[in-house]
Amino acid sequence: MRILLLFSLFVLAVHVSPASAQTPSDIERAYGKPVAVYSVSENIWMTPEYADGQVCMMRLYPKRIGPSLRYINCESRI
């Protein structure tokens, strides 16, 4: 019994490999550079593009939470 326990500990020690976390450069290499995204309303994201340090274009995107989720239509009537 004791030999089996020692053998199991030996096998476990030999087969355990150290885990390493992803670095920012690993994530950037896999997914590209991060993009600034701003929430401009409950349903819309905005991504700006800059030229000479100033915004030259803004893209608006619908927020998509999931394929089966729908947004509640909130209309303000005056």
PDB file of N, CA and C in Angstrom:
ATOM      1  N   MET A   1       0.820  -1.192   0.000  1.00  0.00           N
ATOM      2  CA  MET A   1       0.000   0.000   0.000  1.00  0.00           C
ATOM      3  C   MET A   1       0.866   1.259   0.000  1.00  0.00           C
ATOM      4  N   ARG A   2       1.901   1.225   0.819  1.00  0.00           N
ATOM      5  CA  ARG A   2       2.782   2.383   0.903  1.00  0.00           C
ATOM      6  C   ARG A   2       3.556   2.588  -0.405  1.00  0.00           C
ATOM      7  N   ILE A   3       3.943   1.498  -1.043  1.00  0.00           N
ATOM      8  CA  ILE A   3       4.663   1.578  -2.311  1.00  0.00           C
ATOM      9  C   ILE A   3       3.744   2.159  -3.385  1.00  0.00           C
ATOM     10  N   LEU A   4       2.485   1.740  -3.369  1.00  0.00           N
ATOM     11  CA  LEU A   4       1.518   2.263  -4.336  1.00  0.00           C
ATOM     12  C   LEU A   4       1.316   3.774  -4.136  1.00  0.00           C
ATOM     13  N   LEU A   5       1.243   4.220  -2.902  1.00  0.00           N
ATOM     14  CA  LEU A   5       1.093   5.645  -2.617  1.00  0.00           C
ATOM     15  C   LEU A   5       2.316   6.425  -3.081  1.00  0.00           C
ATOM     16  N   LEU A   6       3.503   5.928  -2.820  1.00  0.00           N
ATOM     17  CA  LEU A   6       4.733   6.591  -3.259  1.00  0.00           C
ATOM     18  C   LEU A   6       4.821   6.626  -4.786  1.00  0.00           C
ATOM     19  N   PHE A   7       4.440   5.522  -5.418  1.00  0.00           N
ATOM     20  CA  PHE A   7       4.466   5.470  -6.879  1.00  0.00           C
ATOM     21  C   PHE A   7       3.466   6.483  -7.463  1.00  0.00           C
ATOM     22  N   SER A   8       2.275   6.581  -6.862  1.00  0.00           N
ATOM     23  CA  SER A   8       1.266   7.533  -7.336  1.00  0.00           C
ATOM     24  C   SER A   8       1.766   8.962  -7.186  1.00  0.00           C
ATOM     25  N   LEU A   9       2.396   9.280  -6.064  1.00  0.00           N
ATOM     26  CA  LEU A   9       2.951  10.616  -5.863  1.00  0.00           C
ATOM     27  C   LEU A   9       4.059  10.911  -6.863  1.00  0.00           C
ATOM     28  N   PHE A  10       4.889   9.917  -7.165  1.00  0.00           N
ATOM     29  CA  PHE A  10       5.963  10.090  -8.147  1.00  0.00           C
ATOM     30  C   PHE A  10       5.377  10.371  -9.530  1.00  0.00           C
ATOM     31  N   VAL A  11       4.393   9.584  -9.942  1.00  0.00           N
ATOM     32  CA  VAL A  11       3.760   9.768 -11.251  1.00  0.00           C
ATOM     33  C   VAL A  11       3.095  11.141 -11.326  1.00  0.00           C
ATOM     34  N   LEU A  12       2.432  11.548 -10.264  1.00  0.00           N
ATOM     35  CA  LEU A  12       1.796  12.846 -10.242  1.00  0.00           C
ATOM     36  C   LEU A  12       2.824  13.968 -10.345  1.00  0.00           C
ATOM     37  N   ALA A  13       3.928  13.840  -9.646  1.00  0.00           N
ATOM     38  CA  ALA A  13       4.969  14.869  -9.675  1.00  0.00           C
ATOM     39  C   ALA A  13       5.618  14.961 -11.053  1.00  0.00           C
ATOM     40  N   VAL A  14       5.792  13.849 -11.727  1.00  0.00           N
ATOM     41  CA  VAL A  14       6.428  13.845 -13.047  1.00  0.00           C
ATOM     42  C   VAL A  14       5.500  14.425 -14.111  1.00  0.00           C
ATOM     43  N   HIS A  15       4.212  14.157 -14.012  1.00  0.00           N
ATOM     44  CA  HIS A  15       3.274  14.555 -15.058  1.00  0.00           C
ATOM     45  C   HIS A  15       2.648  15.933 -14.860  1.00  0.00           C
ATOM     46  N   VAL A  16       2.857  16.553 -13.735  1.00  0.00           N
ATOM     47  CA  VAL A  16       2.305  17.883 -13.508  1.00  0.00           C
ATOM     48  C   VAL A  16       3.214  18.891 -14.184  1.00  0.00           C
ATOM     49  N   SER A  17       2.648  19.674 -15.077  1.00  0.00           N
ATOM     50  CA  SER A  17       3.438  20.705 -15.754  1.00  0.00           C
ATOM     51  C   SER A  17       3.006  22.071 -15.236  1.00  0.00           C
ATOM     52  N   PRO A  18       3.929  22.991 -15.141  1.00  0.00           N
ATOM     53  CA  PRO A  18       3.545  24.314 -14.646  1.00  0.00           C
ATOM     54  C   PRO A  18       2.652  25.030 -15.658  1.00  0.00           C
ATOM     55  N   ALA A  19       1.611  25.649 -15.162  1.00  0.00           N
ATOM     56  CA  ALA A  19       0.691  26.398 -16.023  1.00  0.00           C
ATOM     57  C   ALA A  19       1.146  27.847 -16.085  1.00  0.00           C
ATOM     58  N   SER A  20       0.986  28.433 -17.250  1.00  0.00           N
ATOM     59  CA  SER A  20       1.338  29.845 -17.380  1.00  0.00           C
ATOM     60  C   SER A  20       0.141  30.597 -17.947  1.00  0.00           C
ATOM     61  N   ALA A  21      -0.073  31.782 -17.426  1.00  0.00           N
ATOM     62  CA  ALA A  21      -1.192  32.608 -17.875  1.00  0.00           C
ATOM     63  C   ALA A  21      -0.836  33.319 -19.174  1.00  0.00           C
ATOM     64  N   GLN A  22      -1.861  33.803 -19.869  1.00  0.00           N
ATOM     65  CA  GLN A  22      -1.632  34.559 -21.099  1.00  0.00           C
ATOM     66  C   GLN A  22      -1.101  35.944 -20.762  1.00  0.00           C
ATOM     67  N   THR A  23      -0.219  36.416 -21.588  1.00  0.00           N
ATOM     68  CA  THR A  23       0.301  37.769 -21.438  1.00  0.00           C
ATOM     69  C   THR A  23      -0.489  38.692 -22.364  1.00  0.00           C
ATOM     70  N   PRO A  24      -0.426  40.011 -22.149  1.00  0.00           N
ATOM     71  CA  PRO A  24      -1.123  40.928 -23.060  1.00  0.00           C
ATOM     72  C   PRO A  24      -0.688  40.759 -24.521  1.00  0.00           C
ATOM     73  N   SER A  25       0.589  40.471 -24.746  1.00  0.00           N
ATOM     74  CA  SER A  25       1.037  40.290 -26.133  1.00  0.00           C
ATOM     75  C   SER A  25       0.463  39.010 -26.740  1.00  0.00           C
ATOM     76  N   ASP A  26       0.252  37.951 -25.924  1.00  0.00           N
ATOM     77  CA  ASP A  26      -0.384  36.729 -26.429  1.00  0.00           C
ATOM     78  C   ASP A  26      -1.815  37.012 -26.876  1.00  0.00           C
ATOM     79  N   ILE A  27      -2.539  37.748 -26.060  1.00  0.00           N
ATOM     80  CA  ILE A  27      -3.934  38.066 -26.391  1.00  0.00           C
ATOM     81  C   ILE A  27      -3.992  38.967 -27.618  1.00  0.00           C
ATOM     82  N   GLU A  28      -3.092  39.955 -27.686  1.00  0.00           N
ATOM     83  CA  GLU A  28      -3.060  40.869 -28.835  1.00  0.00           C
ATOM     84  C   GLU A  28      -2.706  40.124 -30.113  1.00  0.00           C
ATOM     85  N   ARG A  29      -1.799  39.169 -30.023  1.00  0.00           N
ATOM     86  CA  ARG A  29      -1.413  38.373 -31.187  1.00  0.00           C
ATOM     87  C   ARG A  29      -2.589  37.532 -31.685  1.00  0.00           C
ATOM     88  N   ALA A  30      -3.389  37.002 -30.765  1.00  0.00           N
ATOM     89  CA  ALA A  30      -4.518  36.142 -31.134  1.00  0.00           C
ATOM     90  C   ALA A  30      -5.731  36.933 -31.621  1.00  0.00           C
ATOM     91  N   TYR A  31      -6.004  38.096 -30.999  1.00  0.00           N
ATOM     92  CA  TYR A  31      -7.250  38.802 -31.284  1.00  0.00           C
ATOM     93  C   TYR A  31      -7.073  40.193 -31.882  1.00  0.00           C
ATOM     94  N   GLY A  32      -5.854  40.667 -32.008  1.00  0.00           N
ATOM     95  CA  GLY A  32      -5.619  41.996 -32.549  1.00  0.00           C
ATOM     96  C   GLY A  32      -5.525  43.041 -31.450  1.00  0.00           C
ATOM     97  N   LYS A  33      -5.205  44.247 -31.852  1.00  0.00           N
ATOM     98  CA  LYS A  33      -5.057  45.344 -30.892  1.00  0.00           C
ATOM     99  C   LYS A  33      -6.412  45.732 -30.317  1.00  0.00           C
ATOM    100  N   PRO A  34      -6.437  46.181 -29.057  1.00  0.00           N
ATOM    101  CA  PRO A  34      -7.703  46.606 -28.472  1.00  0.00           C
ATOM    102  C   PRO A  34      -8.246  47.860 -29.153  1.00  0.00           C
ATOM    103  N   VAL A  35      -9.558  47.966 -29.171  1.00  0.00           N
ATOM    104  CA  VAL A  35     -10.237  49.085 -29.804  1.00  0.00           C
ATOM    105  C   VAL A  35     -11.062  49.795 -28.739  1.00  0.00           C
ATOM    106  N   ALA A  36     -11.044  51.124 -28.759  1.00  0.00           N
ATOM    107  CA  ALA A  36     -11.864  51.895 -27.831  1.00  0.00           C
ATOM    108  C   ALA A  36     -13.322  51.803 -28.266  1.00  0.00           C
ATOM    109  N   VAL A  37     -14.181  51.363 -27.368  1.00  0.00           N
ATOM    110  CA  VAL A  37     -15.605  51.233 -27.648  1.00  0.00           C
ATOM    111  C   VAL A  37     -16.363  51.947 -26.536  1.00  0.00           C
ATOM    112  N   TYR A  38     -17.320  52.778 -26.924  1.00  0.00           N
ATOM    113  CA  TYR A  38     -18.088  53.559 -25.961  1.00  0.00           C
ATOM    114  C   TYR A  38     -19.566  53.242 -26.096  1.00  0.00           C
ATOM    115  N   SER A  39     -20.245  53.191 -24.972  1.00  0.00           N
ATOM    116  CA  SER A  39     -21.687  52.985 -24.968  1.00  0.00           C
ATOM    117  C   SER A  39     -22.357  54.350 -25.070  1.00  0.00           C
ATOM    118  N   VAL A  40     -23.055  54.595 -26.187  1.00  0.00           N
ATOM    119  CA  VAL A  40     -23.689  55.903 -26.377  1.00  0.00           C
ATOM    120  C   VAL A  40     -25.173  55.886 -26.024  1.00  0.00           C
ATOM    121  N   SER A  41     -25.752  54.713 -25.941  1.00  0.00           N
ATOM    122  CA  SER A  41     -27.132  54.580 -25.485  1.00  0.00           C
ATOM    123  C   SER A  41     -27.318  53.153 -24.989  1.00  0.00           C
ATOM    124  N   GLU A  42     -28.526  52.844 -24.612  1.00  0.00           N
ATOM    125  CA  GLU A  42     -28.813  51.514 -24.097  1.00  0.00           C
ATOM    126  C   GLU A  42     -28.613  50.434 -25.157  1.00  0.00           C
ATOM    127  N   ASN A  43     -28.757  50.795 -26.427  1.00  0.00           N
ATOM    128  CA  ASN A  43     -28.709  49.804 -27.505  1.00  0.00           C
ATOM    129  C   ASN A  43     -27.584  50.022 -28.501  1.00  0.00           C
ATOM    130  N   ILE A  44     -26.712  51.023 -28.299  1.00  0.00           N
ATOM    131  CA  ILE A  44     -25.741  51.374 -29.339  1.00  0.00           C
ATOM    132  C   ILE A  44     -24.334  51.533 -28.769  1.00  0.00           C
ATOM    133  N   TRP A  45     -23.350  50.936 -29.478  1.00  0.00           N
ATOM    134  CA  TRP A  45     -21.924  51.125 -29.222  1.00  0.00           C
ATOM    135  C   TRP A  45     -21.373  52.099 -30.258  1.00  0.00           C
ATOM    136  N   MET A  46     -20.298  52.808 -29.890  1.00  0.00           N
ATOM    137  CA  MET A  46     -19.641  53.708 -30.826  1.00  0.00           C
ATOM    138  C   MET A  46     -18.138  53.464 -30.761  1.00  0.00           C
ATOM    139  N   THR A  47     -17.507  53.361 -31.945  1.00  0.00           N
ATOM    140  CA  THR A  47     -16.043  53.250 -32.021  1.00  0.00           C
ATOM    141  C   THR A  47     -15.517  54.432 -32.823  1.00  0.00           C
ATOM    142  N   PRO A  48     -14.651  55.236 -32.225  1.00  0.00           N
ATOM    143  CA  PRO A  48     -14.088  56.378 -32.952  1.00  0.00           C
ATOM    144  C   PRO A  48     -12.805  55.998 -33.684  1.00  0.00           C
ATOM    145  N   GLU A  49     -12.517  56.711 -34.768  1.00  0.00           N
ATOM    146  CA  GLU A  49     -11.226  56.619 -35.451  1.00  0.00           C
ATOM    147  C   GLU A  49     -10.611  58.003 -35.430  1.00  0.00           C
ATOM    148  N   TYR A  50      -9.309  58.059 -35.239  1.00  0.00           N
ATOM    149  CA  TYR A  50      -8.620  59.330 -35.057  1.00  0.00           C
ATOM    150  C   TYR A  50      -7.662  59.609 -36.211  1.00  0.00           C
ATOM    151  N   ALA A  51      -7.492  60.880 -36.528  1.00  0.00           N
ATOM    152  CA  ALA A  51      -6.488  61.356 -37.468  1.00  0.00           C
ATOM    153  C   ALA A  51      -5.930  62.647 -36.892  1.00  0.00           C
ATOM    154  N   ASP A  52      -4.644  62.731 -36.780  1.00  0.00           N
ATOM    155  CA  ASP A  52      -3.974  63.904 -36.206  1.00  0.00           C
ATOM    156  C   ASP A  52      -4.461  64.211 -34.793  1.00  0.00           C
ATOM    157  N   GLY A  53      -4.786  63.157 -34.031  1.00  0.00           N
ATOM    158  CA  GLY A  53      -5.202  63.330 -32.649  1.00  0.00           C
ATOM    159  C   GLY A  53      -6.642  63.742 -32.446  1.00  0.00           C
ATOM    160  N   GLN A  54      -7.415  63.871 -33.527  1.00  0.00           N
ATOM    161  CA  GLN A  54      -8.821  64.255 -33.415  1.00  0.00           C
ATOM    162  C   GLN A  54      -9.691  63.199 -34.086  1.00  0.00           C
ATOM    163  N   VAL A  55     -10.911  63.112 -33.615  1.00  0.00           N
ATOM    164  CA  VAL A  55     -11.843  62.137 -34.191  1.00  0.00           C
ATOM    165  C   VAL A  55     -12.165  62.531 -35.621  1.00  0.00           C
ATOM    166  N   CYS A  56     -11.996  61.580 -36.539  1.00  0.00           N
ATOM    167  CA  CYS A  56     -12.335  61.846 -37.940  1.00  0.00           C
ATOM    168  C   CYS A  56     -13.540  61.024 -38.393  1.00  0.00           C
ATOM    169  N   MET A  57     -13.837  59.924 -37.671  1.00  0.00           N
ATOM    170  CA  MET A  57     -14.990  59.103 -38.036  1.00  0.00           C
ATOM    171  C   MET A  57     -15.472  58.359 -36.798  1.00  0.00           C
ATOM    172  N   MET A  58     -16.789  58.200 -36.699  1.00  0.00           N
ATOM    173  CA  MET A  58     -17.390  57.423 -35.622  1.00  0.00           C
ATOM    174  C   MET A  58     -18.296  56.377 -36.248  1.00  0.00           C
ATOM    175  N   ARG A  59     -18.133  55.144 -35.797  1.00  0.00           N
ATOM    176  CA  ARG A  59     -18.995  54.071 -36.285  1.00  0.00           C
ATOM    177  C   ARG A  59     -19.948  53.682 -35.159  1.00  0.00           C
ATOM    178  N   LEU A  60     -21.202  53.495 -35.498  1.00  0.00           N
ATOM    179  CA  LEU A  60     -22.211  53.101 -34.530  1.00  0.00           C
ATOM    180  C   LEU A  60     -22.640  51.667 -34.811  1.00  0.00           C
ATOM    181  N   TYR A  61     -22.743  50.867 -33.746  1.00  0.00           N
ATOM    182  CA  TYR A  61     -23.111  49.460 -33.867  1.00  0.00           C
ATOM    183  C   TYR A  61     -24.225  49.144 -32.877  1.00  0.00           C
ATOM    184  N   PRO A  62     -25.150  48.261 -33.254  1.00  0.00           N
ATOM    185  CA  PRO A  62     -26.142  47.821 -32.267  1.00  0.00           C
ATOM    186  C   PRO A  62     -25.468  46.906 -31.244  1.00  0.00           C
ATOM    187  N   LYS A  63     -25.889  47.016 -29.993  1.00  0.00           N
ATOM    188  CA  LYS A  63     -25.393  46.102 -28.960  1.00  0.00           C
ATOM    189  C   LYS A  63     -26.101  44.773 -29.150  1.00  0.00           C
ATOM    190  N   ARG A  64     -25.329  43.732 -29.278  1.00  0.00           N
ATOM    191  CA  ARG A  64     -25.901  42.396 -29.445  1.00  0.00           C
ATOM    192  C   ARG A  64     -25.488  41.561 -28.251  1.00  0.00           C
ATOM    193  N   ILE A  65     -26.465  41.187 -27.459  1.00  0.00           N
ATOM    194  CA  ILE A  65     -26.169  40.408 -26.261  1.00  0.00           C
ATOM    195  C   ILE A  65     -26.190  38.924 -26.582  1.00  0.00           C
ATOM    196  N   GLY A  66     -27.123  38.483 -27.378  1.00  0.00           N
ATOM    197  CA  GLY A  66     -27.229  37.083 -27.731  1.00  0.00           C
ATOM    198  C   GLY A  66     -28.158  36.912 -28.912  1.00  0.00           C
ATOM    199  N   PRO A  67     -28.105  35.761 -29.583  1.00  0.00           N
ATOM    200  CA  PRO A  67     -28.923  35.564 -30.786  1.00  0.00           C
ATOM    201  C   PRO A  67     -30.425  35.530 -30.510  1.00  0.00           C
ATOM    202  N   SER A  68     -30.832  35.125 -29.294  1.00  0.00           N
ATOM    203  CA  SER A  68     -32.263  35.012 -29.026  1.00  0.00           C
ATOM    204  C   SER A  68     -32.803  36.166 -28.187  1.00  0.00           C
ATOM    205  N   LEU A  69     -31.949  37.130 -27.810  1.00  0.00           N
ATOM    206  CA  LEU A  69     -32.392  38.245 -26.978  1.00  0.00           C
ATOM    207  C   LEU A  69     -32.851  39.410 -27.842  1.00  0.00           C
ATOM    208  N   ARG A  70     -33.922  40.022 -27.449  1.00  0.00           N
ATOM    209  CA  ARG A  70     -34.454  41.184 -28.148  1.00  0.00           C
ATOM    210  C   ARG A  70     -34.468  42.351 -27.170  1.00  0.00           C
ATOM    211  N   TYR A  71     -34.274  43.546 -27.699  1.00  0.00           N
ATOM    212  CA  TYR A  71     -34.346  44.742 -26.867  1.00  0.00           C
ATOM    213  C   TYR A  71     -35.795  45.184 -26.718  1.00  0.00           C
ATOM    214  N   ILE A  72     -36.070  45.760 -25.583  1.00  0.00           N
ATOM    215  CA  ILE A  72     -37.401  46.325 -25.369  1.00  0.00           C
ATOM    216  C   ILE A  72     -37.464  47.657 -26.105  1.00  0.00           C
ATOM    217  N   ASN A  73     -38.506  47.867 -26.857  1.00  0.00           N
ATOM    218  CA  ASN A  73     -38.655  49.104 -27.601  1.00  0.00           C
ATOM    219  C   ASN A  73     -39.152  50.188 -26.647  1.00  0.00           C
ATOM    220  N   CYS A  74     -38.289  51.095 -26.277  1.00  0.00           N
ATOM    221  CA  CYS A  74     -38.635  52.187 -25.362  1.00  0.00           C
ATOM    222  C   CYS A  74     -38.718  53.474 -26.163  1.00  0.00           C
ATOM    223  N   GLU A  75     -39.900  53.918 -26.459  1.00  0.00           N
ATOM    224  CA  GLU A  75     -40.091  55.153 -27.194  1.00  0.00           C
ATOM    225  C   GLU A  75     -40.552  56.217 -26.230  1.00  0.00           C
ATOM    226  N   SER A  76     -39.963  57.385 -26.338  1.00  0.00           N
ATOM    227  CA  SER A  76     -40.436  58.502 -25.521  1.00  0.00           C
ATOM    228  C   SER A  76     -41.366  59.344 -26.379  1.00  0.00           C
ATOM    229  N   ARG A  77     -42.555  59.540 -25.895  1.00  0.00           N
ATOM    230  CA  ARG A  77     -43.555  60.316 -26.628  1.00  0.00           C
ATOM    231  C   ARG A  77     -43.805  61.615 -25.907  1.00  0.00           C
ATOM    232  N   ILE A  78     -43.829  62.679 -26.646  1.00  0.00           N
ATOM    233  CA  ILE A  78     -44.059  64.001 -26.050  1.00  0.00           C
ATOM    234  C   ILE A  78     -45.466  64.461 -26.379  1.00  0.00           C
TER     235      ILE A  78
END
